[in-house]
Amino acid sequence: MAEITFDDFLKVDIRAGKVVRAEPFPEARKPAIKLWIDFGPEIGEKKTSAQITDHYDPEGLIGRMVMAVVNFPPRQIGPFMSEVLTLGVSDDAGGIVLIAPDQDVAPGGRMH
């Protein structure tokens, strides 16, 4: 992958958010879950679709902290408009494992 500058990195706004609502997304081409994530008073609540069904179910995601890119343009995913990109890492089998802070942080906290 090409190197980027620190200024390039600063353009990507990655924030901590708390999942406040989650639903199955049966209309998606690949198994996915719809998420509504609270990023605090500055950004508010944003929605997204995440292909995380290998390790997560909607009920278990409520209240969970996640990290997401909040400054990408919205993207249409089937009948759903995704407003942020929730971040994760692939496990050995290709399932996505969510990235989250390992201590309590306020929704909307920016990654440095």
N, C-alpha and C. Protein backbone atom coordinates (compact mmCIF):
# COMPACT_ATOMS: atom_id res chain seq x y z
N MET A 1 0.84 -1.18 0.00
CA MET A 1 0.00 0.00 0.00
C MET A 1 0.89 1.25 0.00
N ALA A 2 0.43 2.28 -0.66
CA ALA A 2 1.20 3.53 -0.74
C ALA A 2 1.25 4.23 0.62
N GLU A 3 2.37 4.86 0.91
CA GLU A 3 2.49 5.65 2.12
C GLU A 3 1.62 6.90 2.00
N ILE A 4 1.14 7.37 3.16
CA ILE A 4 0.39 8.62 3.20
C ILE A 4 1.10 9.55 4.17
N THR A 5 0.75 10.80 4.10
CA THR A 5 1.32 11.77 5.03
C THR A 5 0.44 11.85 6.28
N PHE A 6 0.98 12.48 7.32
CA PHE A 6 0.19 12.69 8.52
C PHE A 6 -1.03 13.55 8.22
N ASP A 7 -0.87 14.52 7.33
CA ASP A 7 -2.01 15.36 6.94
C ASP A 7 -3.11 14.53 6.27
N ASP A 8 -2.71 13.51 5.49
CA ASP A 8 -3.69 12.60 4.89
C ASP A 8 -4.46 11.87 5.99
N PHE A 9 -3.75 11.38 6.99
CA PHE A 9 -4.39 10.67 8.10
C PHE A 9 -5.39 11.57 8.82
N LEU A 10 -5.02 12.83 9.02
CA LEU A 10 -5.90 13.75 9.75
C LEU A 10 -7.21 14.02 9.01
N LYS A 11 -7.24 13.76 7.70
CA LYS A 11 -8.47 13.95 6.93
C LYS A 11 -9.52 12.89 7.25
N VAL A 12 -9.10 11.75 7.78
CA VAL A 12 -10.03 10.67 8.11
C VAL A 12 -10.52 10.88 9.54
N ASP A 13 -11.80 11.15 9.70
CA ASP A 13 -12.39 11.42 11.00
C ASP A 13 -12.97 10.13 11.58
N ILE A 14 -12.22 9.50 12.48
CA ILE A 14 -12.63 8.24 13.11
C ILE A 14 -13.08 8.55 14.52
N ARG A 15 -14.31 8.17 14.84
CA ARG A 15 -14.90 8.49 16.15
C ARG A 15 -15.44 7.24 16.83
N ALA A 16 -15.50 7.32 18.15
CA ALA A 16 -16.15 6.29 18.96
C ALA A 16 -17.65 6.57 18.98
N GLY A 17 -18.43 5.52 18.90
CA GLY A 17 -19.88 5.67 18.97
C GLY A 17 -20.50 4.51 19.71
N LYS A 18 -21.72 4.73 20.21
CA LYS A 18 -22.45 3.70 20.94
C LYS A 18 -23.64 3.25 20.11
N VAL A 19 -23.74 1.94 19.88
CA VAL A 19 -24.86 1.38 19.13
C VAL A 19 -26.13 1.54 19.96
N VAL A 20 -27.12 2.24 19.40
CA VAL A 20 -28.38 2.47 20.12
C VAL A 20 -29.53 1.65 19.54
N ARG A 21 -29.34 1.14 18.32
CA ARG A 21 -30.38 0.33 17.68
C ARG A 21 -29.69 -0.57 16.66
N ALA A 22 -30.18 -1.78 16.50
CA ALA A 22 -29.62 -2.72 15.53
C ALA A 22 -30.74 -3.63 15.03
N GLU A 23 -30.73 -3.88 13.72
CA GLU A 23 -31.77 -4.72 13.11
C GLU A 23 -31.13 -5.61 12.04
N PRO A 24 -31.71 -6.78 11.80
CA PRO A 24 -31.25 -7.58 10.66
C PRO A 24 -31.46 -6.79 9.36
N PHE A 25 -30.67 -7.10 8.35
CA PHE A 25 -30.79 -6.44 7.04
C PHE A 25 -30.94 -7.53 5.98
N PRO A 26 -32.12 -8.16 5.92
CA PRO A 26 -32.31 -9.29 5.01
C PRO A 26 -32.24 -8.90 3.53
N GLU A 27 -32.44 -7.63 3.21
CA GLU A 27 -32.42 -7.20 1.81
C GLU A 27 -30.99 -7.06 1.26
N ALA A 28 -29.99 -7.07 2.12
CA ALA A 28 -28.60 -6.91 1.69
C ALA A 28 -28.15 -8.13 0.88
N ARG A 29 -27.27 -7.89 -0.11
CA ARG A 29 -26.74 -9.00 -0.93
C ARG A 29 -25.93 -9.97 -0.08
N LYS A 30 -25.12 -9.45 0.84
CA LYS A 30 -24.36 -10.29 1.77
C LYS A 30 -24.96 -10.08 3.15
N PRO A 31 -24.95 -11.12 4.01
CA PRO A 31 -25.54 -10.97 5.34
C PRO A 31 -24.99 -9.74 6.07
N ALA A 32 -25.90 -8.93 6.61
CA ALA A 32 -25.51 -7.69 7.26
C ALA A 32 -26.49 -7.32 8.36
N ILE A 33 -26.08 -6.35 9.16
CA ILE A 33 -26.92 -5.81 10.23
C ILE A 33 -26.97 -4.30 10.07
N LYS A 34 -28.17 -3.71 10.19
CA LYS A 34 -28.32 -2.26 10.20
C LYS A 34 -28.01 -1.77 11.61
N LEU A 35 -27.21 -0.71 11.70
CA LEU A 35 -26.85 -0.14 13.00
C LEU A 35 -27.19 1.35 13.02
N TRP A 36 -27.68 1.81 14.15
CA TRP A 36 -27.84 3.23 14.43
C TRP A 36 -26.89 3.52 15.58
N ILE A 37 -25.96 4.45 15.35
CA ILE A 37 -24.86 4.69 16.28
C ILE A 37 -24.90 6.14 16.76
N ASP A 38 -24.82 6.34 18.08
CA ASP A 38 -24.79 7.67 18.68
C ASP A 38 -23.34 8.12 18.80
N PHE A 39 -23.02 9.24 18.12
CA PHE A 39 -21.68 9.82 18.17
C PHE A 39 -21.64 11.09 19.01
N GLY A 40 -22.56 11.24 19.94
CA GLY A 40 -22.55 12.39 20.84
C GLY A 40 -23.18 13.62 20.21
N PRO A 41 -23.23 14.73 20.98
CA PRO A 41 -23.97 15.92 20.55
C PRO A 41 -23.40 16.61 19.32
N GLU A 42 -22.10 16.52 19.07
CA GLU A 42 -21.50 17.22 17.92
C GLU A 42 -21.92 16.60 16.59
N ILE A 43 -21.99 15.27 16.54
CA ILE A 43 -22.27 14.55 15.29
C ILE A 43 -23.69 13.98 15.28
N GLY A 44 -24.14 13.52 16.43
CA GLY A 44 -25.48 12.95 16.53
C GLY A 44 -25.52 11.48 16.17
N GLU A 45 -26.71 11.01 15.86
CA GLU A 45 -26.92 9.61 15.52
C GLU A 45 -26.78 9.40 14.02
N LYS A 46 -26.03 8.38 13.64
CA LYS A 46 -25.83 8.04 12.22
C LYS A 46 -26.15 6.57 12.04
N LYS A 47 -26.52 6.21 10.82
CA LYS A 47 -26.85 4.80 10.55
C LYS A 47 -25.86 4.20 9.56
N THR A 48 -25.75 2.88 9.61
CA THR A 48 -24.84 2.17 8.73
C THR A 48 -25.28 0.73 8.59
N SER A 49 -24.73 0.07 7.59
CA SER A 49 -24.91 -1.36 7.40
C SER A 49 -23.55 -2.01 7.57
N ALA A 50 -23.48 -3.10 8.33
CA ALA A 50 -22.20 -3.75 8.57
C ALA A 50 -22.33 -5.26 8.36
N GLN A 51 -21.38 -5.83 7.64
CA GLN A 51 -21.36 -7.27 7.38
C GLN A 51 -20.64 -7.97 8.54
N ILE A 52 -21.33 -8.06 9.67
CA ILE A 52 -20.72 -8.55 10.92
C ILE A 52 -21.49 -9.73 11.50
N THR A 53 -22.29 -10.40 10.67
CA THR A 53 -23.18 -11.45 11.17
C THR A 53 -22.45 -12.72 11.62
N ASP A 54 -21.19 -12.91 11.25
CA ASP A 54 -20.46 -14.10 11.70
C ASP A 54 -20.25 -14.10 13.22
N HIS A 55 -20.09 -12.91 13.80
CA HIS A 55 -19.77 -12.82 15.22
C HIS A 55 -20.80 -12.09 16.07
N TYR A 56 -21.76 -11.43 15.43
CA TYR A 56 -22.68 -10.57 16.19
C TYR A 56 -24.12 -10.79 15.74
N ASP A 57 -25.04 -10.58 16.70
CA ASP A 57 -26.46 -10.54 16.37
C ASP A 57 -26.97 -9.17 16.82
N PRO A 58 -28.06 -8.70 16.23
CA PRO A 58 -28.54 -7.34 16.54
C PRO A 58 -28.73 -7.08 18.04
N GLU A 59 -29.34 -8.00 18.75
CA GLU A 59 -29.64 -7.77 20.16
C GLU A 59 -28.37 -7.56 20.99
N GLY A 60 -27.31 -8.28 20.67
CA GLY A 60 -26.07 -8.19 21.43
C GLY A 60 -25.25 -6.94 21.14
N LEU A 61 -25.64 -6.18 20.13
CA LEU A 61 -24.89 -4.98 19.75
C LEU A 61 -25.36 -3.72 20.46
N ILE A 62 -26.58 -3.74 20.99
CA ILE A 62 -27.12 -2.55 21.65
C ILE A 62 -26.26 -2.19 22.85
N GLY A 63 -25.82 -0.93 22.92
CA GLY A 63 -24.99 -0.45 24.02
C GLY A 63 -23.50 -0.65 23.79
N ARG A 64 -23.13 -1.35 22.76
CA ARG A 64 -21.72 -1.63 22.47
C ARG A 64 -21.05 -0.40 21.84
N MET A 65 -19.82 -0.14 22.23
CA MET A 65 -19.03 0.92 21.61
C MET A 65 -18.35 0.37 20.36
N VAL A 66 -18.28 1.19 19.31
CA VAL A 66 -17.62 0.85 18.06
C VAL A 66 -16.81 2.06 17.60
N MET A 67 -15.96 1.84 16.62
CA MET A 67 -15.22 2.93 15.97
C MET A 67 -15.71 3.00 14.53
N ALA A 68 -15.83 4.23 14.02
CA ALA A 68 -16.34 4.41 12.65
C ALA A 68 -15.76 5.66 12.02
N VAL A 69 -15.63 5.61 10.70
CA VAL A 69 -15.28 6.80 9.92
C VAL A 69 -16.57 7.57 9.72
N VAL A 70 -16.58 8.83 10.15
CA VAL A 70 -17.82 9.61 10.10
C VAL A 70 -17.83 10.67 9.00
N ASN A 71 -16.74 10.80 8.24
CA ASN A 71 -16.72 11.86 7.22
C ASN A 71 -16.63 11.34 5.79
N PHE A 72 -17.09 10.10 5.55
CA PHE A 72 -17.30 9.64 4.19
C PHE A 72 -18.67 10.12 3.72
N PRO A 73 -18.86 10.31 2.41
CA PRO A 73 -20.21 10.66 1.95
C PRO A 73 -21.15 9.47 2.15
N PRO A 74 -22.45 9.73 2.34
CA PRO A 74 -23.41 8.63 2.47
C PRO A 74 -23.36 7.72 1.24
N ARG A 75 -23.68 6.43 1.48
CA ARG A 75 -23.63 5.44 0.40
C ARG A 75 -24.90 4.59 0.46
N GLN A 76 -25.54 4.45 -0.68
CA GLN A 76 -26.76 3.64 -0.77
C GLN A 76 -26.39 2.16 -0.77
N ILE A 77 -26.92 1.40 0.19
CA ILE A 77 -26.73 -0.05 0.27
C ILE A 77 -28.12 -0.66 0.11
N GLY A 78 -28.47 -1.05 -1.11
CA GLY A 78 -29.82 -1.54 -1.36
C GLY A 78 -30.81 -0.44 -0.99
N PRO A 79 -31.83 -0.77 -0.18
CA PRO A 79 -32.83 0.24 0.19
C PRO A 79 -32.42 1.09 1.40
N PHE A 80 -31.17 0.98 1.85
CA PHE A 80 -30.72 1.62 3.09
C PHE A 80 -29.58 2.59 2.79
N MET A 81 -29.62 3.78 3.38
CA MET A 81 -28.56 4.76 3.19
C MET A 81 -27.58 4.66 4.37
N SER A 82 -26.35 4.27 4.07
CA SER A 82 -25.30 4.14 5.08
C SER A 82 -24.57 5.47 5.20
N GLU A 83 -24.45 5.98 6.42
CA GLU A 83 -23.88 7.31 6.64
C GLU A 83 -22.46 7.28 7.22
N VAL A 84 -22.03 6.15 7.78
CA VAL A 84 -20.69 6.01 8.35
C VAL A 84 -20.14 4.64 7.99
N LEU A 85 -18.83 4.45 8.17
CA LEU A 85 -18.19 3.16 7.95
C LEU A 85 -17.71 2.62 9.28
N THR A 86 -18.37 1.59 9.78
CA THR A 86 -17.96 0.95 11.03
C THR A 86 -16.72 0.12 10.77
N LEU A 87 -15.75 0.20 11.67
CA LEU A 87 -14.45 -0.42 11.45
C LEU A 87 -14.33 -1.78 12.12
N GLY A 88 -13.67 -2.69 11.44
CA GLY A 88 -13.42 -4.03 11.97
C GLY A 88 -12.22 -4.65 11.30
N VAL A 89 -11.84 -5.81 11.80
CA VAL A 89 -10.71 -6.56 11.29
C VAL A 89 -11.18 -7.97 10.97
N SER A 90 -10.69 -8.53 9.86
CA SER A 90 -11.06 -9.90 9.49
C SER A 90 -10.35 -10.92 10.38
N ASP A 91 -11.10 -11.94 10.82
CA ASP A 91 -10.48 -13.05 11.53
C ASP A 91 -9.95 -14.06 10.51
N ASP A 92 -9.39 -15.17 10.97
CA ASP A 92 -8.81 -16.16 10.07
C ASP A 92 -9.81 -16.74 9.08
N ALA A 93 -11.10 -16.76 9.43
CA ALA A 93 -12.13 -17.31 8.56
C ALA A 93 -12.79 -16.24 7.69
N GLY A 94 -12.37 -14.98 7.83
CA GLY A 94 -12.94 -13.91 7.03
C GLY A 94 -14.08 -13.16 7.68
N GLY A 95 -14.48 -13.58 8.89
CA GLY A 95 -15.52 -12.85 9.62
C GLY A 95 -14.97 -11.55 10.17
N ILE A 96 -15.82 -10.55 10.27
CA ILE A 96 -15.39 -9.24 10.75
C ILE A 96 -15.56 -9.14 12.26
N VAL A 97 -14.48 -8.71 12.93
CA VAL A 97 -14.47 -8.46 14.37
C VAL A 97 -14.41 -6.94 14.54
N LEU A 98 -15.37 -6.39 15.25
CA LEU A 98 -15.45 -4.94 15.43
C LEU A 98 -14.28 -4.39 16.23
N ILE A 99 -13.87 -3.18 15.88
CA ILE A 99 -12.85 -2.45 16.63
C ILE A 99 -13.57 -1.53 17.61
N ALA A 100 -13.11 -1.53 18.87
CA ALA A 100 -13.76 -0.71 19.90
C ALA A 100 -12.73 -0.26 20.92
N PRO A 101 -12.98 0.86 21.61
CA PRO A 101 -12.10 1.28 22.69
C PRO A 101 -12.10 0.21 23.79
N ASP A 102 -10.97 0.03 24.47
CA ASP A 102 -10.92 -0.97 25.54
C ASP A 102 -11.17 -0.36 26.92
N GLN A 103 -11.49 0.93 26.96
CA GLN A 103 -11.87 1.61 28.19
C GLN A 103 -13.06 2.52 27.88
N ASP A 104 -13.72 3.01 28.92
CA ASP A 104 -14.87 3.90 28.71
C ASP A 104 -14.43 5.21 28.07
N VAL A 105 -15.10 5.58 27.00
CA VAL A 105 -14.90 6.88 26.35
C VAL A 105 -16.28 7.43 25.99
N ALA A 106 -16.35 8.72 25.86
CA ALA A 106 -17.63 9.35 25.50
C ALA A 106 -17.92 9.15 24.02
N PRO A 107 -19.18 8.91 23.67
CA PRO A 107 -19.54 8.86 22.25
C PRO A 107 -19.09 10.15 21.56
N GLY A 108 -18.49 9.99 20.39
CA GLY A 108 -18.00 11.13 19.63
C GLY A 108 -16.52 11.38 19.82
N GLY A 109 -15.87 10.66 20.74
CA GLY A 109 -14.43 10.85 20.94
C GLY A 109 -13.67 10.51 19.67
N ARG A 110 -12.74 11.38 19.29
CA ARG A 110 -11.98 11.20 18.04
C ARG A 110 -10.74 10.36 18.27
N MET A 111 -10.46 9.47 17.31
CA MET A 111 -9.25 8.67 17.35
C MET A 111 -8.07 9.56 16.98
N HIS A 112 -6.98 9.40 17.72
CA HIS A 112 -5.75 10.18 17.48
C HIS A 112 -4.67 9.24 16.98
